[in-house]
């Protein structure tokens, strides 16, 4: 699941935004509302990826601390 964040981060975000734009074009005729939705969803997607990236970072950090502690205990 953490593989989502990383090298293909921007590609995925833009793919999401394109799909969102398409959906908005189909569902919403109102241009200001469409732009608002697109902006809102884009920010949320970015936050989601940032959150996932930081979670992965924290996980590896904790893992590294555990590894160092185990080496010291031996």
PDB file of N, CA and C in Angstrom:
ATOM      1  N   UNK A   1       0.841  -1.213   0.000  1.00  0.00           N
ATOM      2  CA  UNK A   1       0.000   0.000   0.000  1.00  0.00           C
ATOM      3  C   UNK A   1       0.874   1.261   0.000  1.00  0.00           C
ATOM      4  N   UNK A   2       2.026   1.195   0.680  1.00  0.00           N
ATOM      5  CA  UNK A   2       2.893   2.386   0.748  1.00  0.00           C
ATOM      6  C   UNK A   2       3.600   2.641  -0.583  1.00  0.00           C
ATOM      7  N   UNK A   3       3.540   1.692  -1.493  1.00  0.00           N
ATOM      8  CA  UNK A   3       4.175   1.857  -2.807  1.00  0.00           C
ATOM      9  C   UNK A   3       3.556   2.988  -3.623  1.00  0.00           C
ATOM     10  N   UNK A   4       2.358   3.451  -3.227  1.00  0.00           N
ATOM     11  CA  UNK A   4       1.697   4.541  -3.937  1.00  0.00           C
ATOM     12  C   UNK A   4       2.523   5.822  -3.904  1.00  0.00           C
ATOM     13  N   UNK A   5       3.143   6.083  -2.764  1.00  0.00           N
ATOM     14  CA  UNK A   5       3.985   7.278  -2.642  1.00  0.00           C
ATOM     15  C   UNK A   5       5.356   6.971  -3.207  1.00  0.00           C
ATOM     16  N   UNK A   6       5.915   7.927  -3.928  1.00  0.00           N
ATOM     17  CA  UNK A   6       7.255   7.691  -4.460  1.00  0.00           C
ATOM     18  C   UNK A   6       7.439   8.247  -5.854  1.00  0.00           C
ATOM     19  N   UNK A   7       8.108   7.464  -6.699  1.00  0.00           N
ATOM     20  CA  UNK A   7       8.546   7.958  -8.005  1.00  0.00           C
ATOM     21  C   UNK A   7       7.369   8.320  -8.913  1.00  0.00           C
ATOM     22  N   UNK A   8       6.311   7.530  -8.902  1.00  0.00           N
ATOM     23  CA  UNK A   8       5.185   7.787  -9.813  1.00  0.00           C
ATOM     24  C   UNK A   8       4.103   8.642  -9.138  1.00  0.00           C
ATOM     25  N   UNK A   9       4.502   9.348  -8.082  1.00  0.00           N
ATOM     26  CA  UNK A   9       3.597  10.207  -7.301  1.00  0.00           C
ATOM     27  C   UNK A   9       2.856  11.195  -8.187  1.00  0.00           C
ATOM     28  N   UNK A  10       3.605  11.974  -8.992  1.00  0.00           N
ATOM     29  CA  UNK A  10       2.979  13.024  -9.801  1.00  0.00           C
ATOM     30  C   UNK A  10       2.103  12.438 -10.896  1.00  0.00           C
ATOM     31  N   UNK A  11       2.569  11.361 -11.508  1.00  0.00           N
ATOM     32  CA  UNK A  11       1.781  10.696 -12.543  1.00  0.00           C
ATOM     33  C   UNK A  11       0.422  10.274 -12.024  1.00  0.00           C
ATOM     34  N   UNK A  12       0.415   9.708 -10.832  1.00  0.00           N
ATOM     35  CA  UNK A  12      -0.834   9.253 -10.223  1.00  0.00           C
ATOM     36  C   UNK A  12      -1.745  10.433  -9.891  1.00  0.00           C
ATOM     37  N   UNK A  13      -1.161  11.480  -9.358  1.00  0.00           N
ATOM     38  CA  UNK A  13      -1.957  12.664  -9.002  1.00  0.00           C
ATOM     39  C   UNK A  13      -2.605  13.248 -10.243  1.00  0.00           C
ATOM     40  N   UNK A  14      -1.829  13.375 -11.328  1.00  0.00           N
ATOM     41  CA  UNK A  14      -2.381  13.954 -12.547  1.00  0.00           C
ATOM     42  C   UNK A  14      -3.441  13.057 -13.164  1.00  0.00           C
ATOM     43  N   UNK A  15      -3.250  11.751 -13.066  1.00  0.00           N
ATOM     44  CA  UNK A  15      -4.257  10.813 -13.556  1.00  0.00           C
ATOM     45  C   UNK A  15      -5.554  11.004 -12.774  1.00  0.00           C
ATOM     46  N   UNK A  16      -5.433  11.141 -11.459  1.00  0.00           N
ATOM     47  CA  UNK A  16      -6.595  11.367 -10.603  1.00  0.00           C
ATOM     48  C   UNK A  16      -7.302  12.657 -10.991  1.00  0.00           C
ATOM     49  N   UNK A  17      -6.505  13.706 -11.225  1.00  0.00           N
ATOM     50  CA  UNK A  17      -7.073  15.009 -11.566  1.00  0.00           C
ATOM     51  C   UNK A  17      -7.789  14.938 -12.907  1.00  0.00           C
ATOM     52  N   UNK A  18      -7.220  14.216 -13.865  1.00  0.00           N
ATOM     53  CA  UNK A  18      -7.852  14.072 -15.179  1.00  0.00           C
ATOM     54  C   UNK A  18      -9.199  13.371 -15.055  1.00  0.00           C
ATOM     55  N   UNK A  19      -9.226  12.303 -14.275  1.00  0.00           N
ATOM     56  CA  UNK A  19     -10.466  11.564 -14.046  1.00  0.00           C
ATOM     57  C   UNK A  19     -11.490  12.466 -13.367  1.00  0.00           C
ATOM     58  N   UNK A  20     -11.009  13.238 -12.388  1.00  0.00           N
ATOM     59  CA  UNK A  20     -11.878  14.169 -11.666  1.00  0.00           C
ATOM     60  C   UNK A  20     -12.451  15.215 -12.606  1.00  0.00           C
ATOM     61  N   UNK A  21     -11.607  15.740 -13.487  1.00  0.00           N
ATOM     62  CA  UNK A  21     -12.053  16.754 -14.453  1.00  0.00           C
ATOM     63  C   UNK A  21     -13.133  16.174 -15.347  1.00  0.00           C
ATOM     64  N   UNK A  22     -12.899  14.956 -15.811  1.00  0.00           N
ATOM     65  CA  UNK A  22     -13.854  14.276 -16.682  1.00  0.00           C
ATOM     66  C   UNK A  22     -15.191  14.104 -15.963  1.00  0.00           C
ATOM     67  N   UNK A  23     -15.116  13.642 -14.737  1.00  0.00           N
ATOM     68  CA  UNK A  23     -16.315  13.433 -13.915  1.00  0.00           C
ATOM     69  C   UNK A  23     -17.067  14.750 -13.712  1.00  0.00           C
ATOM     70  N   UNK A  24     -16.305  15.813 -13.418  1.00  0.00           N
ATOM     71  CA  UNK A  24     -16.923  17.120 -13.209  1.00  0.00           C
ATOM     72  C   UNK A  24     -17.590  17.618 -14.486  1.00  0.00           C
ATOM     73  N   UNK A  25     -16.957  17.393 -15.633  1.00  0.00           N
ATOM     74  CA  UNK A  25     -17.526  17.811 -16.911  1.00  0.00           C
ATOM     75  C   UNK A  25     -18.840  17.094 -17.174  1.00  0.00           C
ATOM     76  N   UNK A  26     -18.895  15.823 -16.798  1.00  0.00           N
ATOM     77  CA  UNK A  26     -20.104  15.036 -17.013  1.00  0.00           C
ATOM     78  C   UNK A  26     -21.207  15.421 -16.035  1.00  0.00           C
ATOM     79  N   UNK A  27     -20.839  15.582 -14.774  1.00  0.00           N
ATOM     80  CA  UNK A  27     -21.835  15.745 -13.718  1.00  0.00           C
ATOM     81  C   UNK A  27     -22.198  17.212 -13.502  1.00  0.00           C
ATOM     82  N   UNK A  28     -21.212  18.077 -13.503  1.00  0.00           N
ATOM     83  CA  UNK A  28     -21.436  19.481 -13.138  1.00  0.00           C
ATOM     84  C   UNK A  28     -21.250  20.369 -14.358  1.00  0.00           C
ATOM     85  N   UNK A  29     -22.309  21.135 -14.686  1.00  0.00           N
ATOM     86  CA  UNK A  29     -22.207  22.082 -15.793  1.00  0.00           C
ATOM     87  C   UNK A  29     -21.653  23.422 -15.325  1.00  0.00           C
ATOM     88  N   UNK A  30     -21.812  23.703 -14.042  1.00  0.00           N
ATOM     89  CA  UNK A  30     -21.437  24.987 -13.450  1.00  0.00           C
ATOM     90  C   UNK A  30     -19.915  25.104 -13.358  1.00  0.00           C
ATOM     91  N   UNK A  31     -19.344  26.064 -14.075  1.00  0.00           N
ATOM     92  CA  UNK A  31     -17.886  26.162 -14.158  1.00  0.00           C
ATOM     93  C   UNK A  31     -17.202  26.498 -12.825  1.00  0.00           C
ATOM     94  N   UNK A  32     -17.638  27.528 -12.078  1.00  0.00           N
ATOM     95  CA  UNK A  32     -16.983  27.831 -10.799  1.00  0.00           C
ATOM     96  C   UNK A  32     -17.020  26.646  -9.832  1.00  0.00           C
ATOM     97  N   UNK A  33     -18.153  25.959  -9.793  1.00  0.00           N
ATOM     98  CA  UNK A  33     -18.292  24.800  -8.911  1.00  0.00           C
ATOM     99  C   UNK A  33     -17.336  23.691  -9.351  1.00  0.00           C
ATOM    100  N   UNK A  34     -17.227  23.502 -10.668  1.00  0.00           N
ATOM    101  CA  UNK A  34     -16.333  22.488 -11.217  1.00  0.00           C
ATOM    102  C   UNK A  34     -14.886  22.765 -10.814  1.00  0.00           C
ATOM    103  N   UNK A  35     -14.477  24.017 -10.951  1.00  0.00           N
ATOM    104  CA  UNK A  35     -13.114  24.396 -10.579  1.00  0.00           C
ATOM    105  C   UNK A  35     -12.884  24.203  -9.088  1.00  0.00           C
ATOM    106  N   UNK A  36     -13.888  24.554  -8.299  1.00  0.00           N
ATOM    107  CA  UNK A  36     -13.799  24.396  -6.842  1.00  0.00           C
ATOM    108  C   UNK A  36     -13.621  22.926  -6.483  1.00  0.00           C
ATOM    109  N   UNK A  37     -14.430  22.072  -7.083  1.00  0.00           N
ATOM    110  CA  UNK A  37     -14.352  20.631  -6.816  1.00  0.00           C
ATOM    111  C   UNK A  37     -12.989  20.082  -7.204  1.00  0.00           C
ATOM    112  N   UNK A  38     -12.509  20.517  -8.372  1.00  0.00           N
ATOM    113  CA  UNK A  38     -11.223  20.041  -8.871  1.00  0.00           C
ATOM    114  C   UNK A  38     -10.109  20.432  -7.915  1.00  0.00           C
ATOM    115  N   UNK A  39     -10.138  21.688  -7.477  1.00  0.00           N
ATOM    116  CA  UNK A  39      -9.117  22.196  -6.558  1.00  0.00           C
ATOM    117  C   UNK A  39      -9.189  21.435  -5.232  1.00  0.00           C
ATOM    118  N   UNK A  40     -10.391  21.272  -4.710  1.00  0.00           N
ATOM    119  CA  UNK A  40     -10.608  20.595  -3.430  1.00  0.00           C
ATOM    120  C   UNK A  40     -10.101  19.161  -3.486  1.00  0.00           C
ATOM    121  N   UNK A  41     -10.464  18.434  -4.547  1.00  0.00           N
ATOM    122  CA  UNK A  41     -10.056  17.039  -4.684  1.00  0.00           C
ATOM    123  C   UNK A  41      -8.556  16.931  -4.900  1.00  0.00           C
ATOM    124  N   UNK A  42      -7.990  17.877  -5.657  1.00  0.00           N
ATOM    125  CA  UNK A  42      -6.550  17.866  -5.925  1.00  0.00           C
ATOM    126  C   UNK A  42      -5.774  18.031  -4.622  1.00  0.00           C
ATOM    127  N   UNK A  43      -6.217  18.972  -3.781  1.00  0.00           N
ATOM    128  CA  UNK A  43      -5.577  19.212  -2.478  1.00  0.00           C
ATOM    129  C   UNK A  43      -5.698  17.967  -1.606  1.00  0.00           C
ATOM    130  N   UNK A  44      -6.886  17.367  -1.581  1.00  0.00           N
ATOM    131  CA  UNK A  44      -7.099  16.166  -0.761  1.00  0.00           C
ATOM    132  C   UNK A  44      -6.204  15.016  -1.211  1.00  0.00           C
ATOM    133  N   UNK A  45      -6.078  14.841  -2.528  1.00  0.00           N
ATOM    134  CA  UNK A  45      -5.242  13.768  -3.068  1.00  0.00           C
ATOM    135  C   UNK A  45      -3.786  14.014  -2.687  1.00  0.00           C
ATOM    136  N   UNK A  46      -3.349  15.277  -2.816  1.00  0.00           N
ATOM    137  CA  UNK A  46      -1.977  15.625  -2.446  1.00  0.00           C
ATOM    138  C   UNK A  46      -1.729  15.333  -0.970  1.00  0.00           C
ATOM    139  N   UNK A  47      -2.681  15.708  -0.120  1.00  0.00           N
ATOM    140  CA  UNK A  47      -2.551  15.468   1.322  1.00  0.00           C
ATOM    141  C   UNK A  47      -2.496  13.981   1.613  1.00  0.00           C
ATOM    142  N   UNK A  48      -3.314  13.208   0.901  1.00  0.00           N
ATOM    143  CA  UNK A  48      -3.328  11.758   1.088  1.00  0.00           C
ATOM    144  C   UNK A  48      -1.954  11.168   0.769  1.00  0.00           C
ATOM    145  N   UNK A  49      -1.375  11.588  -0.370  1.00  0.00           N
ATOM    146  CA  UNK A  49      -0.069  11.064  -0.765  1.00  0.00           C
ATOM    147  C   UNK A  49       1.014  11.499   0.213  1.00  0.00           C
ATOM    148  N   UNK A  50       0.929  12.760   0.665  1.00  0.00           N
ATOM    149  CA  UNK A  50       1.903  13.256   1.638  1.00  0.00           C
ATOM    150  C   UNK A  50       1.816  12.456   2.926  1.00  0.00           C
ATOM    151  N   UNK A  51       0.592  12.204   3.363  1.00  0.00           N
ATOM    152  CA  UNK A  51       0.354  11.441   4.590  1.00  0.00           C
ATOM    153  C   UNK A  51       0.937  10.038   4.452  1.00  0.00           C
ATOM    154  N   UNK A  52       0.687   9.398   3.316  1.00  0.00           N
ATOM    155  CA  UNK A  52       1.177   8.044   3.085  1.00  0.00           C
ATOM    156  C   UNK A  52       2.697   8.023   3.026  1.00  0.00           C
ATOM    157  N   UNK A  53       3.279   9.042   2.393  1.00  0.00           N
ATOM    158  CA  UNK A  53       4.737   9.120   2.287  1.00  0.00           C
ATOM    159  C   UNK A  53       5.358   9.280   3.670  1.00  0.00           C
ATOM    160  N   UNK A  54       4.767  10.152   4.485  1.00  0.00           N
ATOM    161  CA  UNK A  54       5.314  10.385   5.822  1.00  0.00           C
ATOM    162  C   UNK A  54       5.121   9.150   6.698  1.00  0.00           C
ATOM    163  N   UNK A  55       4.019   8.442   6.519  1.00  0.00           N
ATOM    164  CA  UNK A  55       3.786   7.204   7.265  1.00  0.00           C
ATOM    165  C   UNK A  55       4.871   6.185   6.930  1.00  0.00           C
ATOM    166  N   UNK A  56       5.191   6.079   5.645  1.00  0.00           N
ATOM    167  CA  UNK A  56       6.239   5.146   5.214  1.00  0.00           C
ATOM    168  C   UNK A  56       7.569   5.551   5.833  1.00  0.00           C
ATOM    169  N   UNK A  57       7.836   6.841   5.837  1.00  0.00           N
ATOM    170  CA  UNK A  57       9.074   7.384   6.391  1.00  0.00           C
ATOM    171  C   UNK A  57       9.179   7.057   7.885  1.00  0.00           C
ATOM    172  N   UNK A  58       8.087   7.301   8.615  1.00  0.00           N
ATOM    173  CA  UNK A  58       8.052   7.036  10.062  1.00  0.00           C
ATOM    174  C   UNK A  58       8.233   5.539  10.327  1.00  0.00           C
ATOM    175  N   UNK A  59       7.562   4.717   9.512  1.00  0.00           N
ATOM    176  CA  UNK A  59       7.675   3.258   9.659  1.00  0.00           C
ATOM    177  C   UNK A  59       9.116   2.795   9.524  1.00  0.00           C
ATOM    178  N   UNK A  60       9.800   3.276   8.474  1.00  0.00           N
ATOM    179  CA  UNK A  60      11.185   2.860   8.242  1.00  0.00           C
ATOM    180  C   UNK A  60      12.094   3.402   9.345  1.00  0.00           C
ATOM    181  N   UNK A  61      11.778   4.602   9.831  1.00  0.00           N
ATOM    182  CA  UNK A  61      12.539   5.223  10.914  1.00  0.00           C
ATOM    183  C   UNK A  61      12.472   4.353  12.172  1.00  0.00           C
ATOM    184  N   UNK A  62      11.249   3.957  12.538  1.00  0.00           N
ATOM    185  CA  UNK A  62      11.024   3.101  13.717  1.00  0.00           C
ATOM    186  C   UNK A  62      11.740   1.758  13.513  1.00  0.00           C
ATOM    187  N   UNK A  63      11.646   1.226  12.304  1.00  0.00           N
ATOM    188  CA  UNK A  63      12.288  -0.040  11.976  1.00  0.00           C
ATOM    189  C   UNK A  63      13.805   0.067  12.166  1.00  0.00           C
ATOM    190  N   UNK A  64      14.370   1.164  11.702  1.00  0.00           N
ATOM    191  CA  UNK A  64      15.819   1.380  11.833  1.00  0.00           C
ATOM    192  C   UNK A  64      16.234   1.494  13.294  1.00  0.00           C
ATOM    193  N   UNK A  65      15.446   2.212  14.096  1.00  0.00           N
ATOM    194  CA  UNK A  65      15.735   2.346  15.528  1.00  0.00           C
ATOM    195  C   UNK A  65      15.726   0.963  16.182  1.00  0.00           C
ATOM    196  N   UNK A  66      14.708   0.170  15.856  1.00  0.00           N
ATOM    197  CA  UNK A  66      14.588  -1.185  16.379  1.00  0.00           C
ATOM    198  C   UNK A  66      15.791  -2.034  16.013  1.00  0.00           C
ATOM    199  N   UNK A  67      16.255  -1.885  14.768  1.00  0.00           N
ATOM    200  CA  UNK A  67      17.408  -2.640  14.280  1.00  0.00           C
ATOM    201  C   UNK A  67      18.666  -2.271  15.060  1.00  0.00           C
ATOM    202  N   UNK A  68      18.878  -0.980  15.280  1.00  0.00           N
ATOM    203  CA  UNK A  68      20.052  -0.494  16.027  1.00  0.00           C
ATOM    204  C   UNK A  68      19.999  -0.982  17.469  1.00  0.00           C
ATOM    205  N   UNK A  69      18.821  -0.902  18.090  1.00  0.00           N
ATOM    206  CA  UNK A  69      18.651  -1.336  19.482  1.00  0.00           C
ATOM    207  C   UNK A  69      18.950  -2.823  19.613  1.00  0.00           C
ATOM    208  N   UNK A  70      18.460  -3.627  18.677  1.00  0.00           N
ATOM    209  CA  UNK A  70      18.702  -5.072  18.708  1.00  0.00           C
ATOM    210  C   UNK A  70      20.179  -5.392  18.595  1.00  0.00           C
ATOM    211  N   UNK A  71      20.888  -4.654  17.754  1.00  0.00           N
ATOM    212  CA  UNK A  71      22.330  -4.867  17.578  1.00  0.00           C
ATOM    213  C   UNK A  71      23.072  -4.573  18.877  1.00  0.00           C
ATOM    214  N   UNK A  72      22.637  -3.531  19.580  1.00  0.00           N
ATOM    215  CA  UNK A  72      23.282  -3.160  20.846  1.00  0.00           C
ATOM    216  C   UNK A  72      23.033  -4.208  21.931  1.00  0.00           C
ATOM    217  N   UNK A  73      21.849  -4.798  21.931  1.00  0.00           N
ATOM    218  CA  UNK A  73      21.474  -5.751  22.971  1.00  0.00           C
ATOM    219  C   UNK A  73      22.228  -7.070  22.863  1.00  0.00           C
ATOM    220  N   UNK A  74      22.690  -7.406  21.666  1.00  0.00           N
ATOM    221  CA  UNK A  74      23.382  -8.692  21.485  1.00  0.00           C
ATOM    222  C   UNK A  74      24.738  -8.707  22.158  1.00  0.00           C
TER     223      UNK A  74
END
